[in-house]
Structure formats: structure tokens, C-alpha cells
N, C-alpha and C. Protein backbone atom coordinates (compact mmCIF):
# COMPACT_ATOMS: atom_id res chain seq x y z
N MET A 1 50.40 120.44 40.90
CA MET A 1 50.74 120.51 41.73
C MET A 1 52.53 120.23 41.10
N GLU A 2 53.52 120.98 41.25
CA GLU A 2 54.66 120.47 40.85
C GLU A 2 55.79 119.40 41.93
N ARG A 3 56.14 118.29 41.93
CA ARG A 3 57.15 117.98 42.45
C ARG A 3 58.04 118.74 43.24
N PRO A 4 58.30 118.37 43.96
CA PRO A 4 59.51 119.18 45.55
C PRO A 4 61.09 118.62 44.45
N LYS A 5 61.52 119.27 43.88
CA LYS A 5 63.47 119.38 43.39
C LYS A 5 64.09 118.80 44.47
N SER A 6 64.03 117.94 45.10
CA SER A 6 65.15 117.70 46.26
C SER A 6 65.74 116.44 46.01
N LEU A 7 65.34 115.72 45.24
CA LEU A 7 65.66 114.57 44.54
C LEU A 7 65.22 114.19 43.36
N SER A 8 66.59 113.68 42.62
CA SER A 8 66.49 113.68 41.36
C SER A 8 66.08 112.20 40.95
N ILE A 9 65.45 112.23 39.86
CA ILE A 9 64.79 110.49 39.17
C ILE A 9 65.76 109.34 39.49
N LYS A 10 67.04 109.69 39.10
CA LYS A 10 67.95 108.64 39.66
C LYS A 10 68.27 108.59 40.85
N GLN A 11 67.97 109.37 42.28
CA GLN A 11 67.65 109.08 43.61
C GLN A 11 66.98 108.49 43.87
N GLU A 12 65.68 109.00 43.53
CA GLU A 12 64.76 107.92 43.80
C GLU A 12 64.32 107.02 43.07
N LEU A 13 64.75 106.44 41.98
CA LEU A 13 64.69 105.28 41.21
C LEU A 13 65.77 104.29 42.50
N HIS A 14 66.49 105.04 42.76
CA HIS A 14 67.79 104.23 43.62
C HIS A 14 67.15 103.90 45.28
N ALA A 15 66.61 104.94 45.79
CA ALA A 15 65.66 104.30 46.76
C ALA A 15 64.55 104.02 46.70
N SER A 16 63.75 103.70 45.74
CA SER A 16 62.47 102.77 45.46
C SER A 16 63.05 101.10 45.50
N ALA A 17 64.51 101.32 44.82
CA ALA A 17 64.89 100.21 44.87
C ALA A 17 66.03 99.09 45.91
N LEU A 18 66.52 100.28 46.53
CA LEU A 18 66.62 100.05 48.28
C LEU A 18 65.68 99.75 48.97
N LEU A 19 64.37 100.36 48.54
CA LEU A 19 62.84 100.04 49.65
C LEU A 19 62.36 98.47 49.27
N LEU A 20 62.39 98.60 48.17
CA LEU A 20 62.22 96.91 46.82
C LEU A 20 62.89 95.97 47.91
N LEU A 21 63.98 96.04 48.09
CA LEU A 21 65.19 95.24 48.50
C LEU A 21 64.65 95.19 49.90
N VAL A 22 64.57 96.12 50.63
CA VAL A 22 64.42 95.41 51.96
C VAL A 22 63.09 95.32 52.65
N GLY A 23 62.14 95.43 51.75
CA GLY A 23 61.15 94.49 52.12
C GLY A 23 61.17 93.76 52.09
N PHE A 24 61.82 92.98 50.78
CA PHE A 24 61.89 91.29 50.20
C PHE A 24 62.77 90.98 50.96
N LEU A 25 63.75 91.06 51.85
CA LEU A 25 64.30 90.56 52.83
C LEU A 25 63.57 90.79 53.68
N LEU A 26 62.76 91.39 54.60
CA LEU A 26 61.82 91.22 55.71
C LEU A 26 61.21 90.05 55.21
N LEU A 27 59.98 90.08 54.10
CA LEU A 27 59.49 89.01 53.84
C LEU A 27 59.95 87.65 53.69
N LEU A 28 61.12 87.95 53.51
CA LEU A 28 61.97 86.09 53.62
C LEU A 28 62.00 85.91 54.91
N VAL A 29 62.78 86.89 55.84
CA VAL A 29 63.04 87.24 56.87
C VAL A 29 62.10 86.37 57.97
N PHE A 30 60.60 86.78 57.54
CA PHE A 30 59.44 86.80 58.37
C PHE A 30 58.43 85.47 57.68
N LEU A 31 59.03 84.50 56.20
CA LEU A 31 58.52 83.87 56.01
C LEU A 31 59.81 82.45 56.77
N VAL A 32 60.75 82.72 56.92
CA VAL A 32 61.70 81.66 57.56
C VAL A 32 61.45 81.71 58.85
N ALA A 33 61.23 82.64 59.77
CA ALA A 33 60.54 82.73 61.07
C ALA A 33 59.51 81.92 61.06
N THR A 34 58.96 82.34 60.30
CA THR A 34 57.17 81.36 60.30
C THR A 34 57.68 80.12 60.37
N TYR A 35 57.92 79.63 59.07
CA TYR A 35 58.26 78.19 58.98
C TYR A 35 59.54 77.36 60.15
N LEU A 36 60.25 78.22 61.03
CA LEU A 36 60.69 77.45 61.89
C LEU A 36 59.73 77.36 63.34
N LEU A 37 59.19 78.59 63.25
CA LEU A 37 58.39 78.18 64.24
C LEU A 37 57.40 77.44 64.57
N VAL A 38 56.38 76.93 63.06
CA VAL A 38 55.48 75.95 62.70
C VAL A 38 56.52 74.20 63.06
N ARG A 39 57.54 74.35 62.75
CA ARG A 39 58.19 73.16 62.63
C ARG A 39 58.26 73.00 64.06
N VAL A 40 59.46 74.01 64.78
CA VAL A 40 59.32 73.71 66.60
C VAL A 40 58.03 73.29 67.22
N GLY A 41 56.65 73.97 66.83
CA GLY A 41 55.90 73.65 66.83
C GLY A 41 55.17 71.83 66.79
N ARG A 42 55.32 71.78 66.22
CA ARG A 42 55.15 70.45 65.42
C ARG A 42 55.91 69.55 66.39
N ARG A 43 57.01 69.72 66.40
CA ARG A 43 57.84 68.70 67.01
C ARG A 43 57.96 68.69 68.81
N ILE A 44 57.37 69.83 69.32
CA ILE A 44 57.02 69.86 70.53
C ILE A 44 55.88 69.08 71.05
N ARG A 45 54.60 69.07 69.98
CA ARG A 45 53.78 69.12 70.32
C ARG A 45 53.68 67.24 69.89
N HIS A 46 54.52 66.70 69.35
CA HIS A 46 54.83 65.40 68.53
C HIS A 46 55.24 64.74 70.12
N ASN A 47 56.25 65.61 70.36
CA ASN A 47 57.22 64.71 71.87
C ASN A 47 56.22 64.72 72.91
N ALA A 48 55.35 65.69 73.39
CA ALA A 48 54.84 66.25 74.19
C ALA A 48 53.85 64.37 74.50
N SER A 49 53.28 64.54 73.24
CA SER A 49 52.15 62.91 72.64
C SER A 49 52.40 61.73 72.37
N ARG A 50 54.05 61.63 72.70
CA ARG A 50 54.55 60.17 72.06
C ARG A 50 54.06 59.30 73.32
N GLN A 51 54.52 58.20 73.43
CA GLN A 51 53.96 57.38 74.38
C GLN A 51 55.31 57.30 75.13
N ARG A 52 55.29 57.53 76.35
CA ARG A 52 55.89 56.79 77.35
C ARG A 52 56.84 55.58 77.44
N PRO A 53 58.19 55.53 77.54
CA PRO A 53 58.38 53.51 77.25
C PRO A 53 57.97 52.94 79.36
N PRO A 54 57.74 51.86 78.95
CA PRO A 54 57.56 51.47 80.48
C PRO A 54 58.65 51.87 81.91
N PRO A 55 58.27 51.78 82.94
CA PRO A 55 59.56 51.96 83.80
C PRO A 55 60.20 50.62 84.17
N THR A 56 61.53 51.14 84.32
CA THR A 56 62.73 50.15 84.34
C THR A 56 62.12 49.54 85.86
N ASP A 57 62.41 48.01 85.78
CA ASP A 57 62.13 47.26 86.61
C ASP A 57 63.05 47.50 87.82
N VAL A 58 62.83 47.94 88.98
CA VAL A 58 64.12 48.13 90.01
C VAL A 58 63.71 47.34 90.93
N THR A 59 63.56 46.05 90.72
CA THR A 59 63.54 45.02 91.86
C THR A 59 64.65 44.47 92.71
N ASP A 60 65.38 44.16 91.56
CA ASP A 60 67.20 43.54 92.17
C ASP A 60 67.98 44.69 91.65
N VAL A 61 68.15 46.34 91.45
CA VAL A 61 69.00 47.47 90.79
C VAL A 61 70.32 46.71 91.24
N TRP A 62 70.50 46.60 92.50
CA TRP A 62 71.83 46.67 93.25
C TRP A 62 72.97 45.49 93.10
N SER A 63 71.86 44.55 92.67
CA SER A 63 72.80 42.97 93.06
C SER A 63 73.76 43.56 92.07
N MET A 64 74.29 44.08 91.18
CA MET A 64 75.09 44.69 90.12
C MET A 64 76.56 45.42 90.86
N HIS A 65 75.99 45.93 91.97
CA HIS A 65 76.84 47.16 92.67
C HIS A 65 77.13 46.72 94.00
N LYS A 66 77.11 45.19 93.90
CA LYS A 66 77.72 44.82 95.23
C LYS A 66 79.26 44.43 95.24
N ALA A 67 79.36 44.83 96.21
CA ALA A 67 81.39 44.39 96.70
C ALA A 67 81.53 42.69 96.49
N PRO A 68 82.35 42.30 95.82
CA PRO A 68 82.88 41.05 96.00
C PRO A 68 83.19 40.71 97.36
N GLU A 69 83.19 39.33 97.57
CA GLU A 69 83.15 39.23 99.35
C GLU A 69 85.26 38.73 98.77
N PHE A 70 85.41 39.05 100.35
CA PHE A 70 87.26 38.94 100.54
C PHE A 70 87.39 38.03 101.58
N ASP A 71 88.72 37.04 101.22
CA ASP A 71 88.41 36.44 102.24
C ASP A 71 89.72 37.39 103.39
N GLU A 72 89.44 37.14 104.99
CA GLU A 72 90.41 38.07 105.61
C GLU A 72 92.13 37.50 105.77
N ALA A 73 91.95 36.27 104.88
CA ALA A 73 93.24 36.22 104.80
C ALA A 73 94.42 37.18 103.78
N ASP A 74 93.49 37.18 103.08
CA ASP A 74 94.39 38.22 101.86
C ASP A 74 94.44 39.45 102.17
N PHE A 75 94.38 40.02 103.23
CA PHE A 75 94.52 41.67 103.67
C PHE A 75 95.19 41.40 104.97
N GLU A 76 95.89 39.88 105.77
CA GLU A 76 96.92 39.84 106.61
C GLU A 76 98.09 40.57 106.30
N PHE A 77 98.76 41.17 106.94
CA PHE A 77 99.94 42.17 107.13
C PHE A 77 100.94 41.15 107.13
N GLU A 78 102.25 40.71 107.10
CA GLU A 78 103.34 40.22 107.62
C GLU A 78 104.74 41.09 107.87
N PRO A 79 104.94 41.83 108.64
CA PRO A 79 106.21 42.19 108.62
C PRO A 79 107.10 41.72 107.95
N GLY A 80 107.66 42.56 106.85
CA GLY A 80 108.98 41.44 106.39
C GLY A 80 108.49 41.28 104.98
N GLU A 81 107.70 41.15 104.43
CA GLU A 81 107.17 40.81 102.99
C GLU A 81 107.51 42.30 102.19
N ASP A 82 107.28 43.17 102.60
CA ASP A 82 106.95 44.67 101.64
C ASP A 82 107.84 45.78 102.03
N ASP A 83 108.65 45.59 103.51
CA ASP A 83 109.51 46.13 103.92
C ASP A 83 110.90 46.76 103.14
N ALA A 84 111.51 45.24 102.76
CA ALA A 84 112.19 45.41 101.65
C ALA A 84 112.50 46.39 100.69
N LYS A 85 111.74 47.02 100.63
CA LYS A 85 111.53 47.62 98.70
C LYS A 85 111.52 48.73 99.54
């Protein structure tokens, strides 16, 4: 049986080379995606299985946030001190 004359030999070689290149690129994308998926899976498994740090002691947390003690004399207003400004 004779081959149809729709494509020349040069066009068939070009199409074959293009098909080979596309197949190689798809294989490369598949390998990179598989590598990244395995790496992400290992990292998630590692982070999920690691030991958590002990909880922070909360017995006296607010001691550092208390307002300082003020003398009421510091806040007395005497007319004439700041009125001239």
C-alpha cells in the first residue's frame, strides 16, 4: 500500500522532531512536578511530626504591662502656668 502524498518527507521529519520535543518537554514538566510534590510532602510530614515547644508560662504575664504609679500632685493644674503661652 502506498503512502498518501499529503506531506513531504521534510514536513514529516519536522513534525516528528516537533512531536519529540513536545514529548520531552512534557516529560520534563512531569518530572519537576513530581519532585516538587515529593519534596512538599516530606516537608509537611516533617513539620507535622516535630515536637512542639513547651507552652509559655503565663503566671505573671501582665506584670510587665502595668501602668506606672503616678503621684496625683504631678497632675494638678494651676491657672497661670501654661495660660501665657
